[in-house]
Amino acid sequence: MMVQRIRKMQLLCAICLILQLVCYRWLIPFHLIAVGLSIIVIINQKWFKVIQIQYHFYLIGLYFYRLWVLSIEAVYLLQIIYVVFCLYIAVMLILFSFHCIL
């Protein structure tokens, strides 16, 4: 039961990352919501096996990278790197939540 909830949270993390890219003009902090869900998954990982927990750590690191990019006058290359990593982590979390990759 709890394993299904964690998989749903993984899927919600991925959806929030994609929404961050698609709806970037909205004032809703989708990436921050995804970080909160990732922290919940990381905390519950001790009791329930979560597939590829390192992607949740990558998601948190990507959030700090995003804050750094927003704090400087960013070059487009840095923003493209953010988008590519965001899409990569989102796709991997979706695949893990549906058991496509082990």
Protein backbone atom coordinates (compact mmCIF):
# COMPACT_ATOMS: atom_id res chain seq x y z
CA MET A 1 0.00 0.00 0.00
CA MET A 2 2.71 2.47 0.99
CA VAL A 3 4.85 1.38 -1.95
CA GLN A 4 2.06 2.42 -4.33
CA ARG A 5 1.84 5.79 -2.61
CA ILE A 6 5.57 6.33 -3.00
CA ARG A 7 5.34 5.41 -6.69
CA LYS A 8 2.50 7.89 -7.07
CA MET A 9 4.65 10.54 -5.37
CA GLN A 10 7.46 9.74 -7.79
CA LEU A 11 5.03 10.23 -10.65
CA LEU A 12 3.82 13.52 -9.12
CA CYS A 13 7.44 14.69 -8.86
CA ALA A 14 7.93 14.02 -12.56
CA ILE A 15 4.67 15.75 -13.49
CA CYS A 16 5.65 18.79 -11.41
CA LEU A 17 9.00 18.99 -13.21
CA ILE A 18 7.30 18.88 -16.58
CA LEU A 19 4.76 21.50 -15.47
CA GLN A 20 7.68 23.70 -14.37
CA LEU A 21 8.90 23.70 -17.95
CA VAL A 22 5.52 23.97 -19.67
CA CYS A 23 3.88 26.52 -17.36
CA TYR A 24 6.91 28.60 -16.42
CA ARG A 25 4.97 31.88 -16.46
CA TRP A 26 2.59 30.76 -13.75
CA LEU A 27 3.40 31.83 -10.22
CA ILE A 28 3.07 28.27 -8.89
CA PRO A 29 6.50 26.91 -7.82
CA PHE A 30 6.18 23.45 -9.35
CA HIS A 31 9.85 22.63 -8.82
CA LEU A 32 9.57 23.48 -5.13
CA ILE A 33 6.55 21.17 -4.86
CA ALA A 34 8.57 18.42 -6.55
CA VAL A 35 11.42 18.98 -4.07
CA GLY A 36 9.00 18.63 -1.16
CA LEU A 37 7.65 15.37 -2.55
CA SER A 38 11.21 14.13 -3.13
CA ILE A 39 12.12 14.82 0.48
CA ILE A 40 9.08 12.80 1.59
CA VAL A 41 10.16 9.93 -0.70
CA ILE A 42 13.74 10.09 0.61
CA ILE A 43 12.54 10.01 4.23
CA ASN A 44 10.26 7.03 3.56
CA GLN A 45 12.95 5.22 1.56
CA LYS A 46 14.41 3.72 4.74
CA TRP A 47 11.30 1.66 5.42
CA PHE A 48 10.21 0.91 1.86
CA LYS A 49 12.45 0.15 -1.06
CA VAL A 50 12.37 2.94 -3.60
CA ILE A 51 13.80 2.26 -7.02
CA GLN A 52 16.74 4.53 -7.90
CA ILE A 53 16.59 6.96 -4.99
CA GLN A 54 19.51 8.97 -6.42
CA TYR A 55 17.19 10.68 -8.90
CA HIS A 56 15.41 12.36 -6.01
CA PHE A 57 18.75 13.70 -4.81
CA TYR A 58 19.43 14.88 -8.37
CA LEU A 59 16.07 16.66 -8.35
CA ILE A 60 17.00 18.54 -5.17
CA GLY A 61 20.41 19.43 -6.61
CA LEU A 62 18.75 20.63 -9.79
CA TYR A 63 16.56 22.93 -7.71
CA PHE A 64 19.62 24.57 -6.18
CA TYR A 65 21.13 24.87 -9.66
CA ARG A 66 17.90 26.58 -10.79
CA LEU A 67 18.10 29.05 -7.91
CA TRP A 68 21.71 29.81 -8.87
CA VAL A 69 20.79 30.32 -12.53
CA LEU A 70 17.96 32.66 -11.52
CA SER A 71 20.24 34.66 -9.22
CA ILE A 72 22.77 35.52 -11.93
CA GLU A 73 22.29 36.98 -15.37
CA ALA A 74 22.07 33.60 -16.94
CA VAL A 75 23.50 32.68 -20.26
CA TYR A 76 21.08 30.74 -22.43
CA LEU A 77 23.37 27.73 -22.27
CA LEU A 78 22.84 27.46 -18.49
CA GLN A 79 19.08 27.61 -18.96
CA ILE A 80 19.22 24.94 -21.67
CA ILE A 81 21.23 22.72 -19.34
CA TYR A 82 18.51 23.16 -16.71
CA VAL A 83 15.77 22.23 -19.18
CA VAL A 84 17.64 19.14 -20.42
CA PHE A 85 18.34 17.84 -16.92
CA CYS A 86 14.80 18.62 -15.82
CA LEU A 87 13.36 16.60 -18.70
CA TYR A 88 15.81 13.75 -18.12
CA ILE A 89 14.98 13.42 -14.43
CA ALA A 90 11.24 13.71 -15.13
CA VAL A 91 11.32 10.96 -17.76
CA MET A 92 13.40 8.67 -15.55
CA LEU A 93 11.03 9.14 -12.60
CA ILE A 94 8.05 8.37 -14.81
CA LEU A 95 9.72 5.21 -16.08
CA PHE A 96 10.63 4.11 -12.55
CA SER A 97 7.14 4.76 -11.24
CA PHE A 98 5.67 2.51 -13.93
CA HIS A 99 8.33 -0.23 -13.45
CA CYS A 100 9.63 0.22 -16.99
CA ILE A 101 13.26 0.25 -15.85
CA LEU A 102 14.70 -1.61 -12.90
